[in-house]
Amino acid sequence: MKKTWVTLPPWIIIGAVFILAPIFIFWTFQNISKQKENSTKLLLEKGAALIRSVEAGTRTGMFGTQWGDSRVQRLLAETSRHPDIKYLMITDETGKILAHSDYDDSEELHGEGLDMEAISQTKTVRWRQIKDSRGDDLFEVYRQFSPMRRPPPQRFRDMMPHDRNHAPMIMREDEASHRLIIFVGLDMETVMAAEKEDIRHTVVMAIILLLIGFAGILSLFMAQGYRSARISLSRIKAFSDNLVEHMPIGLVSVSAEGTITSLNQTAESILRLVVGKTVGQNGLSVLPRQMYEMLTTVKESGGTIGREIDYPLAEGKSIPLDVLATELKDEDGVFLGYVILFKDLTEIDRLRNEIERSRRLASLGRMAAGIAHEIRNPLSSIKGFATYFRERYRDIPEDRKTADIIIGEVDRLNRVIGQLLEFARPMNIQLKPTALQGFLQHSVKMIKQQAGERNITIKTDFPSLIGEIFLDADRMSQVLYNLYLNAFDAMDEGGTLSVGLSSADGGTATITIADTGTGIGAEDMGRIFDPYFTTKPSGTGLGLAIVHRIMEAHNGEIHVDSTPGQGTTISLIFRNQAR
């Protein structure tokens, strides 16, 4: 049975709590911390304002006043009448109280635990939280006390009151203000009550939001359950509209009656079908017979079956396909039809052939290396004896000619063996950044004279946007020269040689060499890179084999496309562009 929102699994509820609870706990503590920070900031600003007020009051009374003077005492007392202000006091750098808003205060020293000397030398407002003699919490603000900004002019000093020793009651900036400290004690009861109220409000809001979030998650699961019900009712349409169209492999769905209900773009491309003309038709008339017969097997045996088939094309070619057929059922097990999945194995077959060719060439190379070494030794002896007899029978033309033929044939065999050894030994290349345009232009220039002698026209297309590529210029020149000569040999009566350069997404550069010659037959296409396979009377059959090895050493690819009687196109693909 399907689960409803009433029977939600317990892990969903527990998971929702574990997800939401830490979030709202963190949010609550953040709000409480911010409220405390704001309260501290408010009290600090209030204390600083009171200090500035006291300083301003002292500056209005004839530029200053003596600390024992009753006017300072009255100023502190009047300023501290607000209920939130516990006290105002002024001390020197030793902590001795010089003036206090409370006339009856019995303390003589204040600032225990503070660096009074450092405080008396800076105007930075500082604070601390302490307890008074009754155990109440106080917020104390303090800093340097500067009743005078600068000393008054001399003519005003004579007008100021004097103390009992007839000394003028004036505080100099450099003598007094840097040695005095003012303390403001603020009552925290109101602030703490407000903080408690804010904390209570924040906790209540967090609980409410937690419940709302929890209800929201449950609502989402309810909505998901409703959405799942809708998806189960429209599964075929969703499958056709979304999944089918975007799958990277071919997909065809067939109804229980055998008609095609949908196919994706990949299937349309591989099977050369048109969706509008295919959907609704009988599968037997559209699909390959081997593919359709797999549905019968699935119907009889059930489950899933797979096999490889060849899909014939109109032009006489075929595509190898890996096909998988299975039944399509809904979540209640009701049979809906069949699904056929398939992919094109052309590229995979090409890679398999490449691997097989590489293995075969490696075996041939090892065998050829051994044979070459065994042959070279007797060849050297034969050439030595032939040279000896040529010199000995120098006066006999017929014998001398025979010796020359032996020496020439030995040299030819040595060249063949040299090519064989070059093919067999490990390929060492020196990769360097090379500008392809200049490199190709130079290679074409080297064969222009031969092309003219054979009545062959050379066409080039080298776009300037292609960057540099890492390659061994000497080895790649050998590749191009071999391909050019093969193209010339295929155009005995003249023709056109086209050399092109292109670039694709992903940093791929491709060199294309195309001729209008005789082409390569289908029976020979799979053997052109095999050692000693050649259709030329005088060829050794190692040229294209060496070309293939050089491209492998560059981690490149070589593709051949040929039509007998029309010509051959060879593509050299590189994936290591420098920039």
Protein backbone atom coordinates (compact mmCIF):
# COMPACT_ATOMS: atom_id res chain seq x y z
CA MET A 1 0.00 0.00 0.00
CA LYS A 2 1.01 3.56 -0.59
CA LYS A 3 2.03 5.60 2.44
CA THR A 4 0.06 8.71 3.27
CA TRP A 5 1.14 11.77 5.25
CA VAL A 6 -0.64 10.36 8.33
CA THR A 7 1.71 7.36 8.36
CA LEU A 8 4.94 9.29 7.90
CA PRO A 9 7.95 7.29 9.10
CA PRO A 10 9.29 8.38 12.51
CA TRP A 11 12.74 9.10 11.01
CA ILE A 12 11.23 11.95 8.99
CA ILE A 13 9.92 13.65 12.14
CA ILE A 14 13.17 13.01 14.05
CA GLY A 15 15.20 14.25 11.09
CA ALA A 16 13.13 17.44 10.88
CA VAL A 17 13.74 18.09 14.57
CA PHE A 18 17.50 17.48 14.24
CA ILE A 19 17.66 19.82 11.26
CA LEU A 20 15.50 22.66 12.55
CA ALA A 21 16.41 22.63 16.26
CA PRO A 22 20.12 23.57 15.85
CA ILE A 23 19.18 26.32 13.39
CA PHE A 24 16.72 27.98 15.74
CA ILE A 25 18.92 27.44 18.81
CA PHE A 26 21.75 29.19 16.98
CA TRP A 27 19.38 31.96 15.90
CA THR A 28 18.13 32.38 19.49
CA PHE A 29 21.63 32.64 20.95
CA GLN A 30 22.63 35.05 18.22
CA ASN A 31 19.67 37.31 19.03
CA ILE A 32 20.35 37.15 22.77
CA SER A 33 24.02 37.94 22.19
CA LYS A 34 23.09 40.84 19.93
CA GLN A 35 20.65 42.21 22.52
CA LYS A 36 23.34 42.06 25.20
CA GLU A 37 25.74 43.76 22.86
CA ASN A 38 23.21 46.52 22.16
CA SER A 39 22.54 46.97 25.89
CA THR A 40 26.28 47.24 26.58
CA LYS A 41 26.66 49.72 23.74
CA LEU A 42 23.73 51.79 25.05
CA LEU A 43 25.13 51.93 28.60
CA LEU A 44 28.60 52.72 27.30
CA GLU A 45 27.29 55.61 25.19
CA LYS A 46 25.26 56.86 28.14
CA GLY A 47 28.32 56.79 30.42
CA ALA A 48 30.45 58.54 27.80
CA ALA A 49 27.79 61.24 27.42
CA LEU A 50 27.73 61.80 31.18
CA ILE A 51 31.54 62.11 31.24
CA ARG A 52 31.42 64.68 28.44
CA SER A 53 28.64 66.52 30.32
CA VAL A 54 30.73 66.73 33.51
CA GLU A 55 33.76 67.91 31.53
CA ALA A 56 31.64 70.54 29.82
CA GLY A 57 30.27 71.68 33.19
CA THR A 58 33.77 72.15 34.58
CA ARG A 59 34.79 74.19 31.55
CA THR A 60 31.99 76.73 32.02
CA GLY A 61 33.23 77.88 35.40
CA MET A 62 36.08 80.24 34.58
CA PHE A 63 37.98 77.66 32.61
CA GLY A 64 38.17 75.18 35.50
CA THR A 65 37.86 74.65 39.24
CA GLN A 66 39.86 73.21 42.12
CA TRP A 67 38.85 69.58 42.90
CA GLY A 68 38.17 70.26 46.52
CA ASP A 69 35.90 73.06 45.52
CA SER A 70 32.23 72.57 46.36
CA ARG A 71 31.18 73.45 42.83
CA VAL A 72 32.63 70.24 41.40
CA GLN A 73 30.99 68.28 44.20
CA ARG A 74 27.64 69.91 43.45
CA LEU A 75 28.11 69.31 39.70
CA LEU A 76 28.66 65.60 40.27
CA ALA A 77 25.76 65.40 42.72
CA GLU A 78 23.35 67.22 40.41
CA THR A 79 24.39 65.17 37.39
CA SER A 80 23.90 61.87 39.26
CA ARG A 81 20.33 62.62 40.40
CA HIS A 82 18.91 60.44 37.61
CA PRO A 83 17.68 57.10 39.07
CA ASP A 84 19.84 55.05 36.66
CA ILE A 85 23.05 56.80 37.80
CA LYS A 86 24.50 55.30 40.96
CA TYR A 87 27.52 57.57 41.30
CA LEU A 88 30.00 59.89 39.61
CA MET A 89 33.51 60.18 40.99
CA ILE A 90 36.88 61.63 40.02
CA THR A 91 40.15 60.05 41.13
CA ASP A 92 43.81 60.59 40.51
CA GLU A 93 46.08 57.99 38.91
CA THR A 94 46.59 56.28 42.28
CA GLY A 95 42.85 55.68 42.72
CA LYS A 96 42.42 58.33 45.42
CA ILE A 97 38.91 59.79 45.24
CA LEU A 98 39.09 63.54 44.71
CA ALA A 99 35.38 64.16 44.21
CA HIS A 100 32.26 61.99 44.58
CA SER A 101 28.60 62.54 43.85
CA ASP A 102 27.69 60.90 47.18
CA TYR A 103 28.81 63.18 50.02
CA ASP A 104 28.55 60.35 52.55
CA ASP A 105 30.66 57.84 50.59
CA SER A 106 33.32 56.53 52.92
CA GLU A 107 35.63 55.09 50.28
CA GLU A 108 38.96 56.78 49.85
CA LEU A 109 40.35 54.61 47.00
CA HIS A 110 38.70 53.24 43.88
CA GLY A 111 39.75 51.21 40.82
CA GLU A 112 41.08 48.08 42.42
CA GLY A 113 42.30 45.68 39.70
CA LEU A 114 42.62 48.41 37.04
CA ASP A 115 45.73 49.84 35.46
CA MET A 116 44.98 53.36 36.74
CA GLU A 117 48.14 54.93 35.35
CA ALA A 118 47.36 53.65 31.82
CA ILE A 119 43.72 54.77 32.09
CA SER A 120 44.77 58.28 33.19
CA GLN A 121 46.78 58.68 30.00
CA THR A 122 44.11 57.85 27.37
CA LYS A 123 40.71 59.23 26.47
CA THR A 124 39.44 55.84 25.28
CA VAL A 125 36.17 55.01 27.04
CA ARG A 126 36.29 51.70 28.89
CA TRP A 127 33.78 49.74 30.92
CA ARG A 128 33.43 46.88 33.34
CA GLN A 129 30.61 45.14 35.20
CA ILE A 130 30.98 45.08 38.99
CA LYS A 131 28.87 44.74 42.12
CA ASP A 132 28.36 47.47 44.70
CA SER A 133 28.49 47.09 48.47
CA ARG A 134 24.88 45.81 48.49
CA GLY A 135 25.63 43.17 45.83
CA ASP A 136 23.76 44.96 43.03
CA ASP A 137 25.13 44.79 39.48
CA LEU A 138 26.69 48.00 38.25
CA PHE A 139 27.90 49.02 34.81
CA GLU A 140 30.92 51.26 35.36
CA VAL A 141 32.27 53.53 32.59
CA TYR A 142 35.61 55.29 33.02
CA ARG A 143 38.33 57.16 31.17
CA GLN A 144 40.77 60.07 31.54
CA PHE A 145 39.12 63.20 32.91
CA SER A 146 40.09 66.39 31.02
CA PRO A 147 38.28 69.42 32.47
CA MET A 148 40.53 71.83 30.54
CA ARG A 149 41.36 71.59 26.84
CA ARG A 150 44.25 74.06 27.23
CA PRO A 151 45.52 76.58 29.90
CA PRO A 152 43.62 79.93 29.97
CA PRO A 153 45.38 83.16 29.11
CA GLN A 154 47.32 84.88 31.91
CA ARG A 155 44.89 87.78 32.11
CA PHE A 156 42.13 85.37 33.10
CA ARG A 157 44.26 83.60 35.67
CA ASP A 158 44.43 86.69 37.81
CA MET A 159 40.63 86.82 37.90
CA MET A 160 40.20 83.21 39.08
CA PRO A 161 39.56 82.24 42.77
CA HIS A 162 42.55 81.22 44.85
CA ASP A 163 42.88 78.47 47.42
CA ARG A 164 43.88 78.97 51.02
CA ASN A 165 47.53 79.28 50.03
CA HIS A 166 46.53 82.01 47.58
CA ALA A 167 47.41 79.77 44.63
CA PRO A 168 45.28 80.21 41.54
CA MET A 169 42.73 77.33 41.19
CA ILE A 170 43.58 76.34 37.66
CA MET A 171 44.51 72.95 36.27
CA ARG A 172 47.05 72.84 33.55
CA GLU A 173 46.62 70.31 30.76
CA ASP A 174 50.09 68.87 31.30
CA GLU A 175 49.77 68.72 35.13
CA ALA A 176 46.24 67.69 35.96
CA SER A 177 44.13 66.37 33.14
CA HIS A 178 46.42 63.50 32.30
CA ARG A 179 46.43 62.37 35.96
CA LEU A 180 42.68 62.33 36.60
CA ILE A 181 40.12 59.62 35.96
CA ILE A 182 36.33 59.90 36.02
CA PHE A 183 34.09 56.94 36.88
CA VAL A 184 30.36 56.67 36.12
CA GLY A 185 28.38 53.93 37.87
CA LEU A 186 25.12 53.00 36.10
CA ASP A 187 22.32 50.89 37.52
CA MET A 188 21.78 47.69 35.46
CA GLU A 189 18.49 46.67 37.04
CA THR A 190 16.32 48.24 34.34
CA VAL A 191 18.59 47.01 31.55
CA MET A 192 18.72 43.49 32.97
CA ALA A 193 14.93 43.44 33.32
CA ALA A 194 14.64 44.53 29.68
CA GLU A 195 17.18 41.88 28.69
CA LYS A 196 15.21 39.16 30.49
CA GLU A 197 12.05 40.30 28.74
CA ASP A 198 13.83 40.29 25.38
CA ILE A 199 15.27 36.82 26.04
CA ARG A 200 11.84 35.51 26.99
CA HIS A 201 10.37 37.06 23.85
CA THR A 202 13.18 35.65 21.69
CA VAL A 203 12.79 32.15 23.13
CA VAL A 204 9.02 32.27 22.61
CA MET A 205 9.51 33.45 19.00
CA ALA A 206 12.11 30.72 18.39
CA ILE A 207 9.70 28.06 19.66
CA ILE A 208 6.91 29.46 17.48
CA LEU A 209 9.18 29.56 14.42
CA LEU A 210 10.42 26.04 15.18
CA LEU A 211 6.85 24.79 15.25
CA ILE A 212 6.07 26.67 12.05
CA GLY A 213 9.18 25.20 10.37
CA PHE A 214 8.28 21.73 11.58
CA ALA A 215 4.78 22.17 10.25
CA GLY A 216 6.25 23.45 6.98
CA ILE A 217 8.42 20.33 6.59
CA LEU A 218 5.42 18.12 7.23
CA SER A 219 3.51 20.15 4.67
CA LEU A 220 6.31 19.61 2.16
CA PHE A 221 6.13 15.86 2.71
CA MET A 222 2.38 16.03 2.29
CA ALA A 223 2.85 17.97 -0.94
CA GLN A 224 5.50 15.48 -2.06
CA GLY A 225 3.12 12.62 -1.41
CA TYR A 226 0.47 14.38 -3.46
CA ARG A 227 2.98 15.08 -6.23
CA SER A 228 4.14 11.45 -6.24
CA ALA A 229 0.55 10.36 -6.68
CA ARG A 230 0.20 12.66 -9.67
CA ILE A 231 3.51 11.41 -11.15
CA SER A 232 2.42 7.78 -10.81
CA LEU A 233 -0.75 8.60 -12.76
CA SER A 234 1.18 10.32 -15.59
CA ARG A 235 4.36 8.21 -15.62
CA ILE A 236 4.23 7.33 -19.30
CA LYS A 237 3.84 10.97 -20.36
CA ALA A 238 6.63 12.13 -18.06
CA PHE A 239 8.84 9.32 -19.32
CA SER A 240 8.19 10.28 -22.95
CA ASP A 241 8.49 14.04 -22.50
CA ASN A 242 11.55 14.18 -20.28
CA LEU A 243 13.60 11.04 -19.89
CA VAL A 244 13.20 9.66 -23.39
CA GLU A 245 14.23 12.83 -25.20
CA HIS A 246 17.37 13.42 -23.16
CA MET A 247 18.86 9.94 -22.93
CA PRO A 248 22.29 9.61 -24.60
CA ILE A 249 21.36 6.19 -26.02
CA GLY A 250 18.57 5.19 -28.35
CA LEU A 251 15.24 4.36 -26.73
CA VAL A 252 12.02 3.04 -28.28
CA SER A 253 8.88 2.20 -26.33
CA VAL A 254 6.41 -0.28 -27.77
CA SER A 255 2.88 -0.83 -26.51
CA ALA A 256 1.50 -4.22 -25.49
CA GLU A 257 -0.20 -4.38 -28.91
CA GLY A 258 3.12 -3.94 -30.72
CA THR A 259 2.76 -0.32 -31.87
CA ILE A 260 5.49 2.26 -31.31
CA THR A 261 4.47 4.81 -28.67
CA SER A 262 7.62 6.96 -28.50
CA LEU A 263 11.27 7.20 -29.46
CA ASN A 264 13.96 9.70 -28.56
CA GLN A 265 16.22 11.79 -30.77
CA THR A 266 19.13 9.36 -30.48
CA ALA A 267 16.95 6.48 -31.75
CA GLU A 268 15.67 8.70 -34.54
CA SER A 269 19.24 9.51 -35.58
CA ILE A 270 20.61 5.96 -35.41
CA LEU A 271 17.69 4.21 -37.13
CA ARG A 272 17.15 7.03 -39.66
CA LEU A 273 13.51 7.40 -38.60
CA VAL A 274 11.19 10.40 -38.29
CA VAL A 275 9.16 10.65 -35.07
CA GLY A 276 6.06 12.04 -36.73
CA LYS A 277 5.93 9.20 -39.23
CA THR A 278 6.92 6.42 -36.82
CA VAL A 279 4.84 6.85 -33.64
CA GLY A 280 1.63 4.82 -33.92
CA GLN A 281 2.92 2.41 -36.55
CA ASN A 282 3.40 -1.30 -36.05
CA GLY A 283 6.87 -2.04 -34.71
CA LEU A 284 7.44 -4.92 -37.10
CA SER A 285 7.20 -2.61 -40.12
CA VAL A 286 9.57 0.01 -38.67
CA LEU A 287 12.13 -1.68 -36.43
CA PRO A 288 14.81 -4.14 -37.60
CA ARG A 289 13.43 -7.68 -37.58
CA GLN A 290 16.12 -8.88 -35.15
CA MET A 291 15.24 -6.10 -32.75
CA TYR A 292 11.50 -6.73 -32.93
CA GLU A 293 11.94 -10.48 -32.45
CA MET A 294 13.62 -9.73 -29.12
CA LEU A 295 10.24 -8.46 -27.84
CA THR A 296 8.72 -11.88 -28.50
CA THR A 297 11.50 -13.49 -26.47
CA VAL A 298 10.94 -11.00 -23.62
CA LYS A 299 7.19 -11.74 -23.68
CA GLU A 300 7.77 -15.49 -23.47
CA SER A 301 10.58 -15.57 -20.93
CA GLY A 302 10.09 -12.26 -19.14
CA GLY A 303 12.93 -10.25 -17.64
CA THR A 304 15.54 -8.54 -19.78
CA ILE A 305 17.54 -9.79 -22.74
CA GLY A 306 20.40 -8.24 -24.73
CA ARG A 307 22.28 -9.00 -27.93
CA GLU A 308 24.32 -7.37 -30.65
CA ILE A 309 22.77 -6.99 -34.11
CA ASP A 310 23.67 -5.35 -37.43
CA TYR A 311 21.18 -2.72 -38.58
CA PRO A 312 21.21 -2.45 -42.41
CA LEU A 313 21.18 1.02 -43.98
CA ALA A 314 19.79 2.04 -47.34
CA GLU A 315 23.24 2.68 -48.87
CA GLY A 316 24.32 -0.92 -48.39
CA LYS A 317 26.18 -0.36 -45.13
CA SER A 318 25.21 -1.53 -41.66
CA ILE A 319 25.53 -0.25 -38.11
CA PRO A 320 26.47 -2.58 -35.25
CA LEU A 321 24.02 -2.08 -32.36
CA ASP A 322 24.05 -3.30 -28.76
CA VAL A 323 20.34 -3.85 -27.99
CA LEU A 324 18.63 -4.36 -24.61
CA ALA A 325 14.90 -5.18 -24.42
CA THR A 326 12.75 -5.37 -21.30
CA GLU A 327 9.16 -5.13 -20.09
CA LEU A 328 7.67 -1.85 -18.86
CA LYS A 329 5.48 -2.05 -15.76
CA ASP A 330 4.08 0.52 -13.38
CA GLU A 331 4.64 0.46 -9.62
CA ASP A 332 1.64 -1.85 -9.15
CA GLY A 333 3.08 -4.40 -11.58
CA VAL A 334 0.61 -3.70 -14.38
CA PHE A 335 2.14 -4.51 -17.78
CA LEU A 336 2.37 -1.41 -20.01
CA GLY A 337 4.52 -2.53 -22.91
CA TYR A 338 8.17 -2.88 -23.85
CA VAL A 339 11.26 -0.70 -23.79
CA ILE A 340 14.15 -1.15 -26.23
CA LEU A 341 17.50 0.48 -25.44
CA PHE A 342 20.34 0.42 -27.95
CA LYS A 343 23.60 2.16 -28.73
CA ASP A 344 25.79 2.48 -31.79
CA LEU A 345 28.88 0.26 -31.53
CA THR A 346 30.66 1.75 -34.55
CA GLU A 347 33.16 3.68 -32.46
CA ILE A 348 33.59 0.80 -30.01
CA ASP A 349 34.25 -1.61 -32.90
CA ARG A 350 36.79 0.83 -34.29
CA LEU A 351 38.55 0.95 -30.93
CA ARG A 352 38.48 -2.83 -30.71
CA ASN A 353 40.06 -3.07 -34.14
CA GLU A 354 42.67 -0.51 -33.11
CA ILE A 355 43.54 -2.53 -30.02
CA GLU A 356 43.72 -5.74 -32.01
CA ARG A 357 45.86 -4.07 -34.66
CA SER A 358 48.17 -2.69 -31.99
CA ARG A 359 48.58 -6.13 -30.46
CA ARG A 360 49.24 -7.66 -33.87
CA LEU A 361 51.72 -4.96 -34.80
CA ALA A 362 53.52 -5.35 -31.48
CA SER A 363 53.94 -9.09 -32.10
CA LEU A 364 55.08 -8.48 -35.67
CA GLY A 365 57.47 -5.80 -34.50
CA ARG A 366 59.15 -8.07 -31.98
CA MET A 367 59.43 -10.84 -34.57
CA ALA A 368 60.69 -8.44 -37.25
CA ALA A 369 63.39 -7.07 -34.96
CA GLY A 370 64.75 -10.54 -34.37
CA ILE A 371 64.64 -11.48 -38.04
CA ALA A 372 66.29 -8.20 -39.09
CA HIS A 373 69.25 -8.77 -36.81
CA GLU A 374 69.64 -12.32 -38.10
CA ILE A 375 69.51 -11.22 -41.75
CA ARG A 376 71.89 -8.25 -41.50
CA ASN A 377 74.90 -10.36 -40.54
CA PRO A 378 74.87 -12.65 -43.63
CA LEU A 379 73.99 -9.64 -45.81
CA SER A 380 77.19 -7.94 -44.68
CA SER A 381 79.14 -11.06 -45.62
CA ILE A 382 77.41 -11.28 -49.01
CA LYS A 383 78.15 -7.64 -49.75
CA GLY A 384 81.78 -8.13 -48.73
CA PHE A 385 82.24 -11.10 -51.05
CA ALA A 386 80.43 -9.29 -53.89
CA THR A 387 82.73 -6.30 -53.48
CA TYR A 388 85.73 -8.62 -53.47
CA PHE A 389 84.67 -10.38 -56.68
CA ARG A 390 83.86 -7.06 -58.36
CA GLU A 391 87.40 -5.91 -57.76
CA ARG A 392 88.91 -9.29 -58.67
CA TYR A 393 87.03 -9.59 -61.96
CA ARG A 394 87.16 -5.93 -62.76
CA ASP A 395 88.34 -6.69 -66.30
CA ILE A 396 85.47 -9.07 -67.05
CA PRO A 397 82.38 -6.84 -67.70
CA GLU A 398 79.83 -9.61 -67.29
CA ASP A 399 81.16 -10.73 -63.92
CA ARG A 400 81.57 -7.12 -62.73
CA LYS A 401 77.96 -6.42 -63.70
CA THR A 402 76.80 -9.47 -61.75
CA ALA A 403 78.72 -8.29 -58.68
CA ASP A 404 77.18 -4.82 -58.98
CA ILE A 405 73.70 -6.36 -59.08
CA ILE A 406 74.46 -8.37 -55.92
CA ILE A 407 75.74 -5.26 -54.13
CA GLY A 408 72.67 -3.24 -55.21
CA GLU A 409 70.26 -5.90 -54.02
CA VAL A 410 72.10 -6.20 -50.72
CA ASP A 411 71.84 -2.41 -50.26
CA ARG A 412 68.12 -2.58 -51.04
CA LEU A 413 67.67 -5.34 -48.50
CA ASN A 414 69.59 -3.29 -45.95
CA ARG A 415 67.22 -0.34 -46.53
CA VAL A 416 64.22 -2.60 -46.07
CA ILE A 417 65.72 -4.03 -42.91
CA GLY A 418 66.47 -0.50 -41.70
CA GLN A 419 62.79 0.41 -42.16
CA LEU A 420 61.82 -2.80 -40.42
CA LEU A 421 64.05 -1.99 -37.44
CA GLU A 422 62.69 1.55 -37.30
CA PHE A 423 59.19 0.10 -37.20
CA ALA A 424 60.11 -2.46 -34.53
CA ARG A 425 62.08 -0.27 -32.09
CA PRO A 426 60.26 1.89 -29.49
CA MET A 427 59.08 5.20 -30.85
CA ASN A 428 60.85 8.13 -29.17
CA ILE A 429 59.45 11.56 -29.89
CA GLN A 430 60.41 15.05 -28.76
CA LEU A 431 57.27 17.15 -28.33
CA LYS A 432 57.60 20.89 -28.80
CA PRO A 433 54.99 23.63 -29.33
CA THR A 434 54.61 24.01 -33.09
CA ALA A 435 52.53 26.48 -35.10
CA LEU A 436 50.48 24.28 -37.40
CA GLN A 437 49.92 26.86 -40.13
CA GLY A 438 53.62 27.45 -40.75
CA PHE A 439 54.44 23.76 -40.35
CA LEU A 440 51.89 22.68 -42.97
CA GLN A 441 52.81 25.46 -45.36
CA HIS A 442 56.45 24.31 -45.21
CA SER A 443 55.48 20.65 -45.83
CA VAL A 444 53.39 21.62 -48.87
CA LYS A 445 56.19 23.75 -50.26
CA MET A 446 58.51 20.69 -50.20
CA ILE A 447 56.26 18.70 -52.59
CA LYS A 448 55.17 21.46 -54.97
CA GLN A 449 57.75 20.55 -57.60
CA GLN A 450 56.79 16.84 -57.55
CA ALA A 451 53.11 17.78 -57.76
CA GLY A 452 53.77 19.96 -60.79
CA GLU A 453 55.68 17.18 -62.53
CA ARG A 454 52.70 14.81 -62.01
CA ASN A 455 50.08 17.39 -63.09
CA ILE A 456 48.61 17.54 -59.55
CA THR A 457 47.01 20.71 -58.16
CA ILE A 458 47.49 21.46 -54.45
CA LYS A 459 44.74 23.27 -52.51
CA THR A 460 45.25 24.43 -48.91
CA ASP A 461 42.99 25.76 -46.19
CA PHE A 462 44.89 26.85 -43.08
CA PRO A 463 42.77 29.17 -40.86
CA SER A 464 44.82 31.56 -38.73
CA LEU A 465 42.78 30.91 -35.57
CA ILE A 466 44.41 27.53 -34.89
CA GLY A 467 47.02 27.80 -32.12
CA GLU A 468 50.16 25.84 -31.41
CA ILE A 469 50.24 22.10 -30.81
CA PHE A 470 52.78 19.81 -29.13
CA LEU A 471 54.38 17.51 -31.70
CA ASP A 472 57.67 16.15 -32.97
CA ALA A 473 58.19 18.16 -36.16
CA ASP A 474 60.63 15.67 -37.73
CA ARG A 475 58.41 12.66 -37.13
CA MET A 476 55.30 14.51 -38.28
CA SER A 477 57.10 15.64 -41.44
CA GLN A 478 57.76 11.95 -42.11
CA VAL A 479 54.03 11.25 -41.66
CA LEU A 480 52.94 14.02 -44.02
CA TYR A 481 55.55 13.12 -46.68
CA ASN A 482 54.40 9.46 -46.65
CA LEU A 483 50.76 10.51 -47.02
CA TYR A 484 51.58 13.00 -49.79
CA LEU A 485 53.51 10.34 -51.77
CA ASN A 486 50.67 7.82 -51.34
CA ALA A 487 48.24 10.42 -52.66
CA PHE A 488 50.52 11.13 -55.65
CA ASP A 489 50.76 7.40 -56.43
CA ALA A 490 46.94 7.17 -56.36
CA MET A 491 46.67 9.97 -58.97
CA ASP A 492 48.76 8.68 -61.89
CA GLU A 493 46.91 10.83 -64.41
CA GLY A 494 46.85 13.97 -62.25
CA GLY A 495 44.25 15.32 -59.89
CA THR A 496 43.84 17.50 -56.81
CA LEU A 497 45.53 17.19 -53.42
CA SER A 498 43.70 19.10 -50.66
CA VAL A 499 45.43 19.84 -47.35
CA GLY A 500 43.25 21.39 -44.63
CA LEU A 501 43.41 22.36 -40.96
CA SER A 502 40.50 22.70 -38.57
CA SER A 503 39.79 22.97 -34.86
CA ALA A 504 36.84 21.72 -32.81
CA ASP A 505 35.56 22.24 -29.26
CA GLY A 506 37.70 20.75 -26.53
CA GLY A 507 41.07 21.72 -28.02
CA THR A 508 41.06 19.22 -30.91
CA ALA A 509 43.08 20.04 -34.06
CA THR A 510 42.61 18.04 -37.27
CA ILE A 511 44.85 17.89 -40.34
CA THR A 512 43.01 16.60 -43.42
CA ILE A 513 44.73 15.23 -46.54
CA ALA A 514 42.38 14.36 -49.41
CA ASP A 515 43.08 13.19 -52.96
CA THR A 516 40.99 12.49 -56.06
CA GLY A 517 42.74 9.22 -56.85
CA THR A 518 41.67 5.62 -57.26
CA GLY A 519 40.59 5.13 -53.64
CA ILE A 520 40.89 2.04 -51.44
CA GLY A 521 38.69 -1.02 -51.79
CA ALA A 522 36.55 -2.20 -48.89
CA GLU A 523 38.46 -5.49 -48.76
CA ASP A 524 41.75 -3.63 -48.21
CA MET A 525 40.54 -0.94 -45.78
CA GLY A 526 41.14 -3.03 -42.67
CA ARG A 527 44.73 -3.93 -43.66
CA ILE A 528 46.25 -0.65 -44.85
CA PHE A 529 48.19 -0.13 -41.59
CA ASP A 530 49.51 -3.70 -41.45
CA PRO A 531 53.26 -4.11 -42.05
CA TYR A 532 54.22 -5.31 -45.54
CA PHE A 533 50.71 -4.88 -46.91
CA THR A 534 50.90 -2.86 -50.12
CA THR A 535 49.18 -2.63 -53.50
CA LYS A 536 52.24 -1.00 -55.13
CA PRO A 537 54.57 -3.16 -57.20
CA SER A 538 57.65 -1.56 -55.65
CA GLY A 539 56.33 -0.73 -52.18
CA THR A 540 57.61 -2.19 -48.94
CA GLY A 541 54.31 -1.93 -47.06
CA LEU A 542 55.88 -0.18 -44.08
CA GLY A 543 55.02 3.44 -44.85
CA LEU A 544 51.49 3.56 -43.42
CA ALA A 545 52.46 1.20 -40.58
CA ILE A 546 55.13 3.70 -39.49
CA VAL A 547 52.64 6.57 -39.93
CA HIS A 548 50.22 4.78 -37.61
CA ARG A 549 52.92 4.25 -34.97
CA ILE A 550 53.97 7.91 -35.07
CA MET A 551 50.36 9.04 -34.56
CA GLU A 552 50.01 6.61 -31.65
CA ALA A 553 53.17 8.07 -30.08
CA HIS A 554 51.53 11.54 -30.32
CA ASN A 555 48.37 10.18 -28.62
CA GLY A 556 46.58 11.12 -31.81
CA GLU A 557 44.13 9.36 -34.07
CA ILE A 558 44.17 8.63 -37.80
CA HIS A 559 40.90 8.12 -39.65
CA VAL A 560 40.61 6.96 -43.26
CA ASP A 561 37.55 7.46 -45.46
CA SER A 562 37.80 6.21 -49.03
CA THR A 563 35.49 5.59 -51.97
CA PRO A 564 36.88 3.52 -54.87
CA GLY A 565 37.16 5.61 -58.00
CA GLN A 566 36.58 8.92 -56.16
CA GLY A 567 39.49 9.33 -53.76
CA THR A 568 40.68 9.02 -50.19
CA THR A 569 40.54 11.37 -47.20
CA ILE A 570 42.90 10.87 -44.25
CA SER A 571 42.33 12.82 -41.01
CA LEU A 572 45.07 13.27 -38.40
CA ILE A 573 43.46 14.23 -35.08
CA PHE A 574 45.44 15.78 -32.20
CA ARG A 575 44.08 16.48 -28.72
CA ASN A 576 47.07 18.20 -27.10
CA GLN A 577 46.93 21.79 -28.28
CA ALA A 578 49.41 24.05 -26.49
CA ARG A 579 47.00 26.97 -26.44
